[in-house]
Amino acid sequence: MRLPINVQLQEEMRNLSTIEQSKENWKTLLDFSSDHSLLYTIRIINEIKANKEISGEWRKKFIRLDGFTHLLRCFLEMELHTIENSLSLKCLDNLILLIYELQHQDNSLQMEMCQLVEKITPRCL
């Protein structure tokens, strides 16, 4: 069973107009304080990326407005040692996959990924 789409959130994510007004709005639009809201928003992003008509331009705009950087921040601030349920694990899985897909499609993000690996490696050992 699929959840109904929050049309307002979907439109805000598709247009990124609130982010163009202020990059501080990433905290609201892509909220990682709750696994539920983060997973829900990632699913909306995946639907946008699946739309071939808008995905290329949307991805460029998302990256230009620091959406990729915000995703990395989400990942870095996750408490990996406290993942204790399947929802948290699914959220982490979807977040890593989204980061990987965006980075794989845009070589300019390689430097950010290298910096991320340097920050993450000590946390994983």
N, C-alpha and C. Protein backbone atom coordinates (compact mmCIF):
# COMPACT_ATOMS: atom_id res chain seq x y z
N MET A 1 0.84 -1.17 0.00
CA MET A 1 0.00 0.00 0.00
C MET A 1 0.89 1.25 0.00
N ARG A 2 0.62 2.14 -0.89
CA ARG A 2 1.39 3.37 -1.01
C ARG A 2 0.70 4.50 -0.25
N LEU A 3 1.52 5.35 0.35
CA LEU A 3 0.99 6.53 1.03
C LEU A 3 0.53 7.55 -0.01
N PRO A 4 -0.51 8.28 0.32
CA PRO A 4 -0.91 9.35 -0.61
C PRO A 4 0.18 10.43 -0.65
N ILE A 5 0.30 11.05 -1.79
CA ILE A 5 1.33 12.07 -1.98
C ILE A 5 0.88 13.39 -1.37
N ASN A 6 1.77 14.00 -0.61
CA ASN A 6 1.55 15.35 -0.13
C ASN A 6 1.87 16.26 -1.32
N VAL A 7 0.83 16.75 -1.97
CA VAL A 7 0.97 17.51 -3.22
C VAL A 7 1.82 18.77 -3.01
N GLN A 8 1.62 19.43 -1.89
CA GLN A 8 2.39 20.65 -1.62
C GLN A 8 3.88 20.34 -1.49
N LEU A 9 4.21 19.30 -0.74
CA LEU A 9 5.62 18.90 -0.59
C LEU A 9 6.20 18.47 -1.93
N GLN A 10 5.43 17.73 -2.70
CA GLN A 10 5.88 17.27 -4.00
C GLN A 10 6.18 18.46 -4.93
N GLU A 11 5.29 19.45 -4.93
CA GLU A 11 5.49 20.63 -5.78
C GLU A 11 6.68 21.46 -5.30
N GLU A 12 6.82 21.60 -3.99
CA GLU A 12 7.96 22.35 -3.45
C GLU A 12 9.27 21.66 -3.82
N MET A 13 9.29 20.33 -3.75
CA MET A 13 10.51 19.60 -4.10
C MET A 13 10.74 19.67 -5.61
N ARG A 14 9.71 19.59 -6.38
CA ARG A 14 9.86 19.66 -7.84
C ARG A 14 10.37 21.03 -8.29
N ASN A 15 9.82 22.08 -7.71
CA ASN A 15 10.19 23.44 -8.13
C ASN A 15 11.40 24.00 -7.40
N LEU A 16 11.60 23.59 -6.17
CA LEU A 16 12.69 24.07 -5.31
C LEU A 16 12.64 25.59 -5.12
N SER A 17 11.45 26.16 -5.27
CA SER A 17 11.33 27.62 -5.17
C SER A 17 11.58 28.13 -3.76
N THR A 18 11.18 27.38 -2.74
CA THR A 18 11.44 27.83 -1.36
C THR A 18 12.94 27.80 -1.07
N ILE A 19 13.66 26.90 -1.72
CA ILE A 19 15.11 26.81 -1.53
C ILE A 19 15.79 27.98 -2.25
N GLU A 20 15.26 28.38 -3.39
CA GLU A 20 15.82 29.54 -4.09
C GLU A 20 15.69 30.80 -3.25
N GLN A 21 14.66 30.87 -2.43
CA GLN A 21 14.47 32.02 -1.55
C GLN A 21 15.48 32.00 -0.41
N SER A 22 15.72 30.82 0.15
CA SER A 22 16.69 30.68 1.24
C SER A 22 17.11 29.22 1.35
N LYS A 23 18.41 28.98 1.32
CA LYS A 23 18.91 27.61 1.44
C LYS A 23 18.67 27.04 2.84
N GLU A 24 18.33 27.91 3.79
CA GLU A 24 17.97 27.44 5.12
C GLU A 24 16.70 26.58 5.08
N ASN A 25 15.91 26.73 4.03
CA ASN A 25 14.67 25.97 3.90
C ASN A 25 14.91 24.49 3.64
N TRP A 26 16.15 24.09 3.35
CA TRP A 26 16.43 22.66 3.19
C TRP A 26 16.06 21.91 4.46
N LYS A 27 16.28 22.55 5.61
CA LYS A 27 15.99 21.89 6.89
C LYS A 27 14.52 21.52 7.02
N THR A 28 13.65 22.31 6.38
CA THR A 28 12.22 22.03 6.41
C THR A 28 11.81 21.09 5.29
N LEU A 29 12.32 21.37 4.09
CA LEU A 29 11.91 20.58 2.93
C LEU A 29 12.46 19.16 2.97
N LEU A 30 13.68 19.01 3.42
CA LEU A 30 14.34 17.70 3.50
C LEU A 30 14.74 17.47 4.95
N ASP A 31 13.73 17.22 5.76
CA ASP A 31 13.88 17.11 7.21
C ASP A 31 14.40 15.73 7.59
N PHE A 32 15.56 15.70 8.24
CA PHE A 32 16.10 14.41 8.63
C PHE A 32 16.00 14.16 10.14
N SER A 33 15.15 14.93 10.80
CA SER A 33 14.95 14.70 12.23
C SER A 33 14.03 13.51 12.48
N SER A 34 13.34 13.08 11.44
CA SER A 34 12.42 11.94 11.55
C SER A 34 12.69 10.99 10.39
N ASP A 35 12.84 9.71 10.70
CA ASP A 35 13.03 8.71 9.64
C ASP A 35 11.84 8.70 8.69
N HIS A 36 10.65 8.84 9.24
CA HIS A 36 9.44 8.83 8.40
C HIS A 36 9.46 9.95 7.37
N SER A 37 9.72 11.17 7.83
CA SER A 37 9.67 12.30 6.90
C SER A 37 10.83 12.25 5.91
N LEU A 38 12.00 11.82 6.34
CA LEU A 38 13.13 11.73 5.41
C LEU A 38 12.87 10.67 4.35
N LEU A 39 12.40 9.51 4.75
CA LEU A 39 12.11 8.44 3.80
C LEU A 39 11.01 8.87 2.82
N TYR A 40 9.99 9.54 3.32
CA TYR A 40 8.90 10.03 2.48
C TYR A 40 9.43 11.02 1.44
N THR A 41 10.26 11.94 1.87
CA THR A 41 10.81 12.94 0.94
C THR A 41 11.76 12.30 -0.06
N ILE A 42 12.54 11.34 0.36
CA ILE A 42 13.43 10.63 -0.57
C ILE A 42 12.61 9.92 -1.64
N ARG A 43 11.48 9.37 -1.25
CA ARG A 43 10.62 8.72 -2.25
C ARG A 43 10.07 9.73 -3.25
N ILE A 44 9.74 10.91 -2.79
CA ILE A 44 9.28 11.97 -3.71
C ILE A 44 10.43 12.34 -4.66
N ILE A 45 11.63 12.48 -4.13
CA ILE A 45 12.79 12.79 -4.97
C ILE A 45 12.99 11.70 -6.02
N ASN A 46 12.87 10.45 -5.62
CA ASN A 46 13.04 9.35 -6.56
C ASN A 46 11.99 9.38 -7.67
N GLU A 47 10.77 9.78 -7.32
CA GLU A 47 9.73 9.90 -8.35
C GLU A 47 10.06 11.03 -9.32
N ILE A 48 10.59 12.13 -8.81
CA ILE A 48 11.00 13.24 -9.68
C ILE A 48 12.13 12.79 -10.59
N LYS A 49 13.10 12.08 -10.03
CA LYS A 49 14.24 11.61 -10.82
C LYS A 49 13.80 10.61 -11.89
N ALA A 50 12.73 9.89 -11.64
CA ALA A 50 12.25 8.90 -12.61
C ALA A 50 11.53 9.54 -13.79
N ASN A 51 11.12 10.79 -13.64
CA ASN A 51 10.44 11.52 -14.71
C ASN A 51 11.50 12.06 -15.67
N LYS A 52 11.68 11.40 -16.78
CA LYS A 52 12.74 11.74 -17.74
C LYS A 52 12.62 13.15 -18.29
N GLU A 53 11.41 13.69 -18.34
CA GLU A 53 11.20 15.03 -18.90
C GLU A 53 11.82 16.12 -18.03
N ILE A 54 11.86 15.92 -16.72
CA ILE A 54 12.36 16.98 -15.84
C ILE A 54 13.59 16.58 -15.02
N SER A 55 13.95 15.31 -15.01
CA SER A 55 14.98 14.84 -14.07
C SER A 55 16.34 15.49 -14.28
N GLY A 56 16.77 15.68 -15.52
CA GLY A 56 18.10 16.26 -15.76
C GLY A 56 18.23 17.68 -15.25
N GLU A 57 17.28 18.52 -15.63
CA GLU A 57 17.31 19.92 -15.19
C GLU A 57 17.07 20.03 -13.69
N TRP A 58 16.17 19.19 -13.18
CA TRP A 58 15.89 19.22 -11.75
C TRP A 58 17.14 18.84 -10.96
N ARG A 59 17.84 17.80 -11.38
CA ARG A 59 19.06 17.35 -10.69
C ARG A 59 20.10 18.46 -10.66
N LYS A 60 20.29 19.15 -11.78
CA LYS A 60 21.26 20.26 -11.84
C LYS A 60 20.87 21.36 -10.84
N LYS A 61 19.59 21.69 -10.82
CA LYS A 61 19.12 22.73 -9.91
C LYS A 61 19.26 22.29 -8.46
N PHE A 62 18.93 21.03 -8.17
CA PHE A 62 19.04 20.46 -6.83
C PHE A 62 20.48 20.57 -6.34
N ILE A 63 21.42 20.22 -7.19
CA ILE A 63 22.84 20.27 -6.82
C ILE A 63 23.30 21.73 -6.68
N ARG A 64 22.92 22.58 -7.61
CA ARG A 64 23.31 24.00 -7.57
C ARG A 64 22.81 24.68 -6.29
N LEU A 65 21.65 24.26 -5.79
CA LEU A 65 21.07 24.85 -4.59
C LEU A 65 21.50 24.12 -3.31
N ASP A 66 22.55 23.32 -3.41
CA ASP A 66 23.16 22.61 -2.26
C ASP A 66 22.31 21.48 -1.71
N GLY A 67 21.42 20.92 -2.54
CA GLY A 67 20.64 19.77 -2.10
C GLY A 67 21.52 18.56 -1.82
N PHE A 68 22.52 18.35 -2.68
CA PHE A 68 23.43 17.22 -2.48
C PHE A 68 24.21 17.40 -1.17
N THR A 69 24.66 18.61 -0.94
CA THR A 69 25.38 18.90 0.30
C THR A 69 24.49 18.66 1.51
N HIS A 70 23.22 19.00 1.41
CA HIS A 70 22.29 18.76 2.52
C HIS A 70 22.10 17.26 2.74
N LEU A 71 22.03 16.49 1.67
CA LEU A 71 21.93 15.03 1.83
C LEU A 71 23.16 14.48 2.55
N LEU A 72 24.33 14.97 2.19
CA LEU A 72 25.55 14.53 2.87
C LEU A 72 25.51 14.90 4.35
N ARG A 73 25.02 16.10 4.63
CA ARG A 73 24.89 16.54 6.02
C ARG A 73 23.92 15.62 6.78
N CYS A 74 22.83 15.25 6.12
CA CYS A 74 21.87 14.31 6.73
C CYS A 74 22.58 13.02 7.12
N PHE A 75 23.35 12.50 6.17
CA PHE A 75 24.05 11.24 6.42
C PHE A 75 25.06 11.38 7.55
N LEU A 76 25.84 12.45 7.53
CA LEU A 76 26.86 12.64 8.56
C LEU A 76 26.27 12.81 9.95
N GLU A 77 25.09 13.38 10.02
CA GLU A 77 24.47 13.63 11.33
C GLU A 77 23.61 12.48 11.83
N MET A 78 23.45 11.45 11.01
CA MET A 78 22.70 10.27 11.46
C MET A 78 23.50 9.55 12.53
N GLU A 79 22.81 9.08 13.52
CA GLU A 79 23.44 8.30 14.58
C GLU A 79 23.47 6.84 14.14
N LEU A 80 24.54 6.47 13.45
CA LEU A 80 24.62 5.13 12.87
C LEU A 80 24.58 4.03 13.93
N HIS A 81 25.11 4.30 15.10
CA HIS A 81 25.13 3.26 16.13
C HIS A 81 23.77 3.07 16.81
N THR A 82 22.82 3.95 16.53
CA THR A 82 21.51 3.81 17.15
C THR A 82 20.45 3.25 16.20
N ILE A 83 20.87 2.77 15.05
CA ILE A 83 19.90 2.19 14.13
C ILE A 83 19.42 0.88 14.74
N GLU A 84 18.15 0.88 15.11
CA GLU A 84 17.64 -0.27 15.84
C GLU A 84 16.35 -0.85 15.27
N ASN A 85 15.89 -0.29 14.16
CA ASN A 85 14.68 -0.86 13.58
C ASN A 85 14.77 -0.84 12.06
N SER A 86 13.85 -1.54 11.44
CA SER A 86 13.90 -1.67 9.98
C SER A 86 13.61 -0.35 9.27
N LEU A 87 12.82 0.53 9.89
CA LEU A 87 12.54 1.82 9.27
C LEU A 87 13.82 2.66 9.19
N SER A 88 14.58 2.71 10.26
CA SER A 88 15.85 3.46 10.26
C SER A 88 16.81 2.88 9.25
N LEU A 89 16.86 1.57 9.17
CA LEU A 89 17.75 0.92 8.21
C LEU A 89 17.32 1.20 6.77
N LYS A 90 16.01 1.16 6.53
CA LYS A 90 15.49 1.45 5.19
C LYS A 90 15.78 2.91 4.82
N CYS A 91 15.64 3.80 5.77
CA CYS A 91 15.92 5.22 5.54
C CYS A 91 17.40 5.40 5.19
N LEU A 92 18.27 4.78 5.95
CA LEU A 92 19.71 4.86 5.68
C LEU A 92 20.03 4.29 4.31
N ASP A 93 19.44 3.16 3.98
CA ASP A 93 19.65 2.52 2.68
C ASP A 93 19.23 3.44 1.53
N ASN A 94 18.05 4.04 1.65
CA ASN A 94 17.56 4.94 0.60
C ASN A 94 18.40 6.21 0.50
N LEU A 95 18.87 6.71 1.62
CA LEU A 95 19.70 7.91 1.63
C LEU A 95 21.04 7.64 0.95
N ILE A 96 21.68 6.52 1.29
CA ILE A 96 22.96 6.16 0.67
C ILE A 96 22.79 5.94 -0.83
N LEU A 97 21.73 5.28 -1.21
CA LEU A 97 21.47 5.03 -2.63
C LEU A 97 21.25 6.34 -3.39
N LEU A 98 20.50 7.26 -2.81
CA LEU A 98 20.26 8.55 -3.45
C LEU A 98 21.56 9.33 -3.60
N ILE A 99 22.37 9.36 -2.55
CA ILE A 99 23.66 10.05 -2.62
C ILE A 99 24.52 9.43 -3.71
N TYR A 100 24.56 8.10 -3.74
CA TYR A 100 25.38 7.41 -4.75
C TYR A 100 24.90 7.74 -6.16
N GLU A 101 23.59 7.67 -6.39
CA GLU A 101 23.05 7.92 -7.73
C GLU A 101 23.34 9.34 -8.20
N LEU A 102 23.16 10.31 -7.32
CA LEU A 102 23.43 11.69 -7.69
C LEU A 102 24.91 11.90 -8.00
N GLN A 103 25.76 11.34 -7.17
CA GLN A 103 27.20 11.47 -7.35
C GLN A 103 27.65 10.76 -8.61
N HIS A 104 27.05 9.63 -8.90
CA HIS A 104 27.41 8.84 -10.07
C HIS A 104 27.03 9.56 -11.37
N GLN A 105 25.96 10.35 -11.33
CA GLN A 105 25.48 11.06 -12.51
C GLN A 105 26.19 12.40 -12.72
N ASP A 106 26.93 12.86 -11.73
CA ASP A 106 27.58 14.18 -11.83
C ASP A 106 28.98 14.10 -11.26
N ASN A 107 29.97 14.06 -12.13
CA ASN A 107 31.36 13.91 -11.71
C ASN A 107 31.85 15.08 -10.86
N SER A 108 31.21 16.23 -10.94
CA SER A 108 31.66 17.38 -10.16
C SER A 108 31.48 17.15 -8.65
N LEU A 109 30.73 16.14 -8.28
CA LEU A 109 30.48 15.87 -6.86
C LEU A 109 31.53 14.95 -6.25
N GLN A 110 32.50 14.53 -7.04
CA GLN A 110 33.53 13.61 -6.56
C GLN A 110 34.30 14.18 -5.36
N MET A 111 34.65 15.46 -5.41
CA MET A 111 35.42 16.07 -4.31
C MET A 111 34.62 16.04 -3.01
N GLU A 112 33.33 16.37 -3.09
CA GLU A 112 32.50 16.32 -1.89
C GLU A 112 32.44 14.90 -1.33
N MET A 113 32.37 13.91 -2.22
CA MET A 113 32.33 12.52 -1.78
C MET A 113 33.64 12.12 -1.11
N CYS A 114 34.76 12.57 -1.65
CA CYS A 114 36.06 12.26 -1.04
C CYS A 114 36.15 12.85 0.36
N GLN A 115 35.67 14.07 0.52
CA GLN A 115 35.67 14.70 1.84
C GLN A 115 34.75 13.95 2.79
N LEU A 116 33.65 13.46 2.29
CA LEU A 116 32.71 12.69 3.10
C LEU A 116 33.35 11.41 3.58
N VAL A 117 34.04 10.71 2.69
CA VAL A 117 34.69 9.45 3.07
C VAL A 117 35.70 9.69 4.19
N GLU A 118 36.43 10.79 4.12
CA GLU A 118 37.40 11.11 5.17
C GLU A 118 36.71 11.33 6.51
N LYS A 119 35.52 11.90 6.51
CA LYS A 119 34.78 12.14 7.75
C LYS A 119 34.12 10.87 8.28
N ILE A 120 33.69 10.02 7.37
CA ILE A 120 32.92 8.83 7.76
C ILE A 120 33.82 7.69 8.23
N THR A 121 34.94 7.51 7.59
CA THR A 121 35.79 6.35 7.87
C THR A 121 36.05 6.16 9.37
N PRO A 122 36.44 7.17 10.12
CA PRO A 122 36.66 6.94 11.56
C PRO A 122 35.40 6.51 12.30
N ARG A 123 34.23 6.96 11.85
CA ARG A 123 32.97 6.58 12.51
C ARG A 123 32.62 5.13 12.28
N CYS A 124 33.10 4.57 11.16
CA CYS A 124 32.73 3.20 10.79
C CYS A 124 33.70 2.16 11.35
N LEU A 125 34.83 2.59 11.82
CA LEU A 125 35.84 1.64 12.32
C LEU A 125 35.62 1.29 13.77
